[in-house]
N, C-alpha and C. Protein backbone atom coordinates (compact mmCIF):
# COMPACT_ATOMS: atom_id res chain seq x y z
N MET A 1 128.35 106.64 98.86
CA MET A 1 127.53 107.00 97.78
C MET A 1 127.41 108.53 97.60
N LYS A 2 127.84 108.93 96.32
CA LYS A 2 127.87 110.43 96.04
C LYS A 2 126.20 110.68 95.60
N LEU A 3 125.86 111.72 96.27
CA LEU A 3 124.52 112.22 95.98
C LEU A 3 124.54 113.05 94.65
N LYS A 4 123.58 112.85 93.86
CA LYS A 4 123.41 113.75 92.50
C LYS A 4 122.60 114.84 93.10
N THR A 5 122.64 116.02 91.94
CA THR A 5 121.83 117.14 92.21
C THR A 5 120.58 116.98 91.73
N LEU A 6 119.61 117.79 92.02
CA LEU A 6 118.14 117.46 91.80
C LEU A 6 117.90 117.34 90.41
N THR A 7 118.57 118.10 89.59
CA THR A 7 118.42 118.09 88.12
C THR A 7 118.91 116.94 87.77
N GLN A 8 119.94 116.13 88.26
CA GLN A 8 120.40 114.84 87.88
C GLN A 8 119.51 113.80 88.23
N TYR A 9 118.83 113.99 89.09
CA TYR A 9 117.82 113.01 89.39
C TYR A 9 116.47 112.89 88.73
N GLN A 10 116.25 114.33 88.16
CA GLN A 10 115.09 114.45 87.33
C GLN A 10 115.38 113.94 86.09
N GLU A 11 116.66 114.00 85.64
CA GLU A 11 116.98 113.33 84.30
C GLU A 11 116.81 111.89 84.54
N GLU A 12 117.32 111.30 85.65
CA GLU A 12 117.32 109.81 85.87
C GLU A 12 115.65 109.37 85.88
N VAL A 13 114.90 110.12 86.51
CA VAL A 13 113.47 109.81 86.60
C VAL A 13 113.11 109.60 85.01
N LYS A 14 113.35 110.68 84.24
CA LYS A 14 112.81 110.73 83.01
C LYS A 14 113.38 109.50 82.16
N ARG A 15 114.75 109.01 82.32
CA ARG A 15 115.22 107.96 81.75
C ARG A 15 114.76 106.67 82.02
N LEU A 16 114.16 106.50 83.56
CA LEU A 16 113.56 105.37 83.72
C LEU A 16 112.06 105.35 83.29
N VAL A 17 111.30 106.55 83.34
CA VAL A 17 110.03 106.41 82.75
C VAL A 17 110.14 106.03 81.18
N LYS A 18 111.15 106.60 80.65
CA LYS A 18 111.19 106.26 79.07
C LYS A 18 111.64 104.95 78.65
N LYS A 19 112.50 104.31 79.67
CA LYS A 19 112.93 102.97 79.41
C LYS A 19 111.77 101.97 79.74
N PHE A 20 111.06 102.30 80.72
CA PHE A 20 110.17 100.96 80.98
C PHE A 20 108.69 101.59 80.48
N ASN A 21 108.80 102.59 79.63
CA ASN A 21 107.45 102.93 79.08
C ASN A 21 106.42 103.27 80.20
N LEU A 22 106.69 104.02 80.94
CA LEU A 22 105.64 104.61 82.32
C LEU A 22 105.11 105.85 81.76
N ASN A 23 104.56 105.96 80.68
CA ASN A 23 104.03 107.36 80.02
C ASN A 23 102.53 107.29 80.77
N TRP A 24 102.61 107.42 81.96
CA TRP A 24 101.00 107.62 82.55
C TRP A 24 101.07 109.11 82.09
N SER A 25 99.61 109.57 82.28
CA SER A 25 99.25 111.00 82.18
C SER A 25 99.50 111.65 83.26
N VAL A 26 99.48 112.96 83.35
CA VAL A 26 99.84 113.79 84.55
C VAL A 26 98.72 113.32 85.36
N TYR A 27 97.61 113.26 85.34
CA TYR A 27 96.27 113.02 86.02
C TYR A 27 96.49 111.59 86.91
N ILE A 28 96.93 110.43 85.94
CA ILE A 28 97.18 109.21 86.62
C ILE A 28 98.37 109.27 87.48
N ARG A 29 99.37 110.06 87.20
CA ARG A 29 100.65 110.10 88.02
C ARG A 29 100.18 111.02 89.25
N TYR A 30 99.28 111.84 89.24
CA TYR A 30 98.94 112.62 90.43
C TYR A 30 98.33 111.56 91.32
N ILE A 31 97.17 110.68 90.91
CA ILE A 31 96.63 109.99 91.49
C ILE A 31 97.43 108.93 92.21
N HIS A 32 98.66 108.62 91.65
CA HIS A 32 99.35 107.32 92.22
C HIS A 32 100.31 108.43 93.35
N LEU A 33 100.71 109.74 93.06
CA LEU A 33 101.45 110.37 94.00
C LEU A 33 100.51 110.55 95.40
N VAL A 34 99.11 110.78 95.23
CA VAL A 34 98.24 110.84 96.14
C VAL A 34 98.21 109.51 97.15
N GLU A 35 98.33 108.48 96.33
CA GLU A 35 98.39 107.07 97.07
C GLU A 35 99.89 107.03 97.74
N GLU A 36 100.86 107.46 97.29
CA GLU A 36 101.99 107.49 97.82
C GLU A 36 102.25 108.23 99.09
N ILE A 37 101.62 109.44 98.94
CA ILE A 37 101.59 110.32 100.06
C ILE A 37 100.76 109.79 101.32
N GLY A 38 99.64 108.92 100.88
CA GLY A 38 99.02 108.13 101.95
C GLY A 38 99.71 107.16 102.64
N GLU A 39 100.48 106.25 101.85
CA GLU A 39 101.49 105.42 102.34
C GLU A 39 102.43 106.09 103.30
N LEU A 40 103.07 107.28 102.86
CA LEU A 40 104.09 108.01 103.53
C LEU A 40 103.36 108.26 105.05
N GLY A 41 102.14 108.87 104.89
CA GLY A 41 101.53 109.08 106.03
C GLY A 41 101.37 107.86 107.16
N GLU A 42 101.18 106.83 106.47
CA GLU A 42 101.01 105.63 107.45
C GLU A 42 102.49 105.43 108.19
N ALA A 43 103.35 105.45 107.21
CA ALA A 43 104.87 105.10 107.66
C ALA A 43 105.27 106.44 108.70
N ILE A 44 104.62 107.42 108.49
CA ILE A 44 105.26 108.61 109.63
C ILE A 44 104.44 108.19 111.04
N THR A 45 103.15 107.80 110.80
CA THR A 45 102.28 107.33 112.04
C THR A 45 103.06 106.35 112.73
N VAL A 46 103.52 105.33 112.16
CA VAL A 46 104.21 104.26 112.59
C VAL A 46 105.67 104.77 113.36
N HIS A 47 106.47 105.53 112.58
CA HIS A 47 107.52 106.03 112.96
C HIS A 47 107.44 107.07 114.33
N GLN A 48 106.41 107.65 114.26
CA GLN A 48 106.09 108.60 115.47
C GLN A 48 105.49 107.73 116.73
N GLY A 49 105.31 106.60 116.43
CA GLY A 49 104.77 105.61 117.72
C GLY A 49 103.33 105.87 117.81
N ASP A 50 102.52 106.51 117.08
CA ASP A 50 101.10 106.51 116.90
C ASP A 50 100.39 105.32 116.61
N ARG A 51 101.15 104.61 116.02
CA ARG A 51 100.47 103.06 115.48
C ARG A 51 101.66 102.13 115.60
N LYS A 52 101.37 101.10 116.16
CA LYS A 52 102.56 100.00 116.14
C LYS A 52 102.74 99.27 114.69
N ALA A 53 104.16 99.06 114.52
CA ALA A 53 104.28 98.41 113.33
C ALA A 53 103.74 97.10 113.19
N GLY A 54 103.40 96.28 111.88
CA GLY A 54 102.74 95.19 112.00
C GLY A 54 103.67 93.97 112.63
N SER A 55 102.94 92.98 112.98
CA SER A 55 103.72 91.74 113.59
C SER A 55 105.10 91.61 112.92
N GLY A 56 106.30 91.40 113.53
CA GLY A 56 107.36 91.16 113.01
C GLY A 56 108.27 92.21 112.28
N GLU A 57 107.70 93.39 112.29
CA GLU A 57 108.41 94.59 111.90
C GLU A 57 109.15 95.09 112.94
N SER A 58 110.33 95.73 112.63
CA SER A 58 111.27 96.24 113.58
C SER A 58 111.48 97.67 113.42
N ALA A 59 112.05 98.47 114.31
CA ALA A 59 112.36 99.78 114.12
C ALA A 59 112.92 100.12 112.93
N LEU A 60 113.97 99.09 112.65
CA LEU A 60 114.59 99.37 111.25
C LEU A 60 113.82 99.27 110.16
N ALA A 61 112.77 98.34 110.06
CA ALA A 61 112.03 98.32 109.05
C ALA A 61 111.08 99.48 108.88
N ASP A 62 110.63 100.03 110.15
CA ASP A 62 109.96 101.24 110.25
C ASP A 62 110.73 102.27 109.59
N HIS A 63 111.92 102.67 109.76
CA HIS A 63 112.88 103.64 109.17
C HIS A 63 113.01 103.41 107.67
N THR A 64 113.04 102.15 107.29
CA THR A 64 113.31 101.84 105.82
C THR A 64 112.13 102.16 105.14
N ASP A 65 110.93 101.78 105.66
CA ASP A 65 109.63 102.01 105.20
C ASP A 65 109.58 103.44 104.79
N LEU A 66 109.80 104.18 105.92
CA LEU A 66 109.53 105.71 105.93
C LEU A 66 110.51 106.23 104.72
N LYS A 67 111.82 105.70 104.62
CA LYS A 67 112.60 106.31 103.53
C LYS A 67 112.02 105.77 102.11
N GLU A 68 111.66 104.67 102.19
CA GLU A 68 111.18 104.18 100.69
C GLU A 68 109.72 105.11 100.27
N GLU A 69 108.93 105.29 101.13
CA GLU A 69 107.88 106.07 101.01
C GLU A 69 108.20 107.40 100.48
N LEU A 70 109.19 108.12 101.10
CA LEU A 70 109.77 109.32 100.91
C LEU A 70 110.19 109.46 99.33
N GLY A 71 110.90 108.28 99.07
CA GLY A 71 111.41 108.17 97.78
C GLY A 71 110.48 108.09 96.71
N ASP A 72 109.51 107.22 97.07
CA ASP A 72 108.31 106.91 95.98
C ASP A 72 107.59 108.25 95.83
N ALA A 73 107.42 108.96 96.81
CA ALA A 73 106.52 110.31 96.60
C ALA A 73 107.40 111.20 95.78
N LEU A 74 108.67 111.35 96.10
CA LEU A 74 109.50 112.32 95.26
C LEU A 74 109.60 111.77 93.77
N PHE A 75 109.83 110.56 93.79
CA PHE A 75 109.76 110.02 92.23
C PHE A 75 108.54 110.59 91.48
N GLY A 76 107.46 110.36 92.07
CA GLY A 76 106.17 110.60 91.41
C GLY A 76 106.08 112.22 91.18
N LEU A 77 106.60 112.94 92.36
CA LEU A 77 106.44 114.49 91.97
C LEU A 77 107.58 114.91 90.97
N ILE A 78 108.42 114.50 90.96
CA ILE A 78 109.68 114.65 89.99
C ILE A 78 109.09 114.36 88.51
N ASP A 79 108.52 113.18 88.41
CA ASP A 79 107.89 112.89 87.31
C ASP A 79 106.75 113.83 86.79
N ILE A 80 106.04 114.35 87.67
CA ILE A 80 104.95 115.31 87.27
C ILE A 80 105.62 116.49 86.87
N ALA A 81 106.70 116.89 87.62
CA ALA A 81 107.34 118.18 87.09
C ALA A 81 107.89 118.09 85.74
N SER A 82 108.44 117.05 85.40
CA SER A 82 109.18 116.75 84.16
C SER A 82 108.06 116.82 83.14
N GLN A 83 106.89 116.29 83.40
CA GLN A 83 105.96 116.21 82.33
C GLN A 83 105.33 117.62 82.06
N LEU A 84 105.17 118.44 83.09
CA LEU A 84 104.92 119.76 82.94
C LEU A 84 105.96 120.71 82.46
N GLY A 85 107.22 120.25 82.24
CA GLY A 85 108.09 121.05 81.85
C GLY A 85 108.83 121.77 83.04
N ILE A 86 108.56 121.61 84.18
CA ILE A 86 109.16 122.30 85.41
C ILE A 86 110.38 121.55 85.78
N SER A 87 111.42 122.73 85.98
CA SER A 87 112.77 122.08 86.52
C SER A 87 112.52 122.17 88.25
N MET A 88 112.71 120.90 88.65
CA MET A 88 112.53 120.85 90.22
C MET A 88 113.47 121.65 90.86
N GLY A 89 114.61 121.83 90.60
CA GLY A 89 115.75 122.50 91.03
C GLY A 89 115.19 124.10 91.33
N GLU A 90 114.56 124.59 90.10
CA GLU A 90 114.11 125.91 90.16
C GLU A 90 112.86 126.00 90.93
N ALA A 91 111.97 124.93 90.89
CA ALA A 91 110.83 125.16 91.69
C ALA A 91 111.18 125.19 93.21
N LEU A 92 112.20 124.47 93.60
CA LEU A 92 112.73 124.52 95.04
C LEU A 92 113.34 125.64 95.39
N GLU A 93 114.15 126.24 94.45
CA GLU A 93 114.70 127.59 94.72
C GLU A 93 113.58 128.50 94.96
N ASP A 94 112.56 128.74 93.94
CA ASP A 94 111.57 129.65 94.38
C ASP A 94 110.73 129.52 95.53
N ALA A 95 110.61 128.02 96.05
CA ALA A 95 109.94 128.09 97.45
C ALA A 95 110.78 128.42 98.37
N PHE A 96 112.33 128.32 98.44
CA PHE A 96 112.93 128.69 99.28
C PHE A 96 112.90 130.19 99.54
N ARG A 97 112.75 131.03 98.25
CA ARG A 97 112.69 132.32 98.53
C ARG A 97 111.47 132.87 98.98
N ARG A 98 110.33 132.16 98.61
CA ARG A 98 108.81 132.53 98.94
C ARG A 98 108.77 132.34 100.62
N TYR A 99 109.29 130.90 101.06
CA TYR A 99 109.23 130.94 102.53
C TYR A 99 110.16 131.89 103.22
N GLU A 100 111.34 132.01 102.79
CA GLU A 100 112.17 133.03 103.55
C GLU A 100 111.51 134.21 103.60
N GLY A 101 110.79 134.92 102.49
CA GLY A 101 110.21 136.22 102.62
C GLY A 101 108.94 136.14 103.59
N LYS A 102 107.99 134.93 103.56
CA LYS A 102 107.03 134.86 104.35
C LYS A 102 107.59 134.85 105.78
N LEU A 103 108.60 134.07 106.18
CA LEU A 103 108.97 134.01 107.53
C LEU A 103 109.71 135.48 107.99
N ASN A 104 110.45 135.97 107.05
CA ASN A 104 110.89 137.33 107.59
C ASN A 104 109.68 138.15 107.81
N SER A 105 108.62 138.35 106.78
CA SER A 105 107.53 139.04 107.20
C SER A 105 106.70 138.79 108.53
N LEU A 106 106.70 137.63 108.84
CA LEU A 106 106.29 137.09 109.98
C LEU A 106 107.08 137.42 111.29
N ASN A 107 108.19 137.06 110.97
CA ASN A 107 109.12 137.66 112.28
C ASN A 107 109.01 139.16 112.62
N LYS A 108 108.96 140.24 111.56
CA LYS A 108 108.77 141.57 111.78
C LYS A 108 107.52 141.83 112.42
N LYS A 109 106.39 141.24 112.05
CA LYS A 109 105.10 141.42 112.86
C LYS A 109 105.22 141.13 114.12
N ILE A 110 106.10 140.00 114.51
CA ILE A 110 106.11 139.60 115.89
C ILE A 110 106.91 140.46 116.72
N GLU A 111 107.97 140.91 116.17
CA GLU A 111 108.84 141.81 116.90
C GLU A 111 108.08 143.25 117.12
């Protein structure tokens, strides 16, 4: 499977939101994103072995749940960005630059 660019995924999210009339307000989408982040936290807890998977769940299901929850959270985050007119690609580029700058500064202080 060929992966798409972040911009292409953002366009796909916009298309699905429009096609299925998922015109939730930014606030409602944010609340849903928080819910998805909670579900991601639960999946991480199971994945890290801090909590056992439910009866009948396997390690494969555990990994699948983790992947699904990450995808659900990303979908919500991308939809919020789109509603606010923010390019996810540009936002991520900016974040990389900020983190690199912060980490370089921290490294210099440690040396």
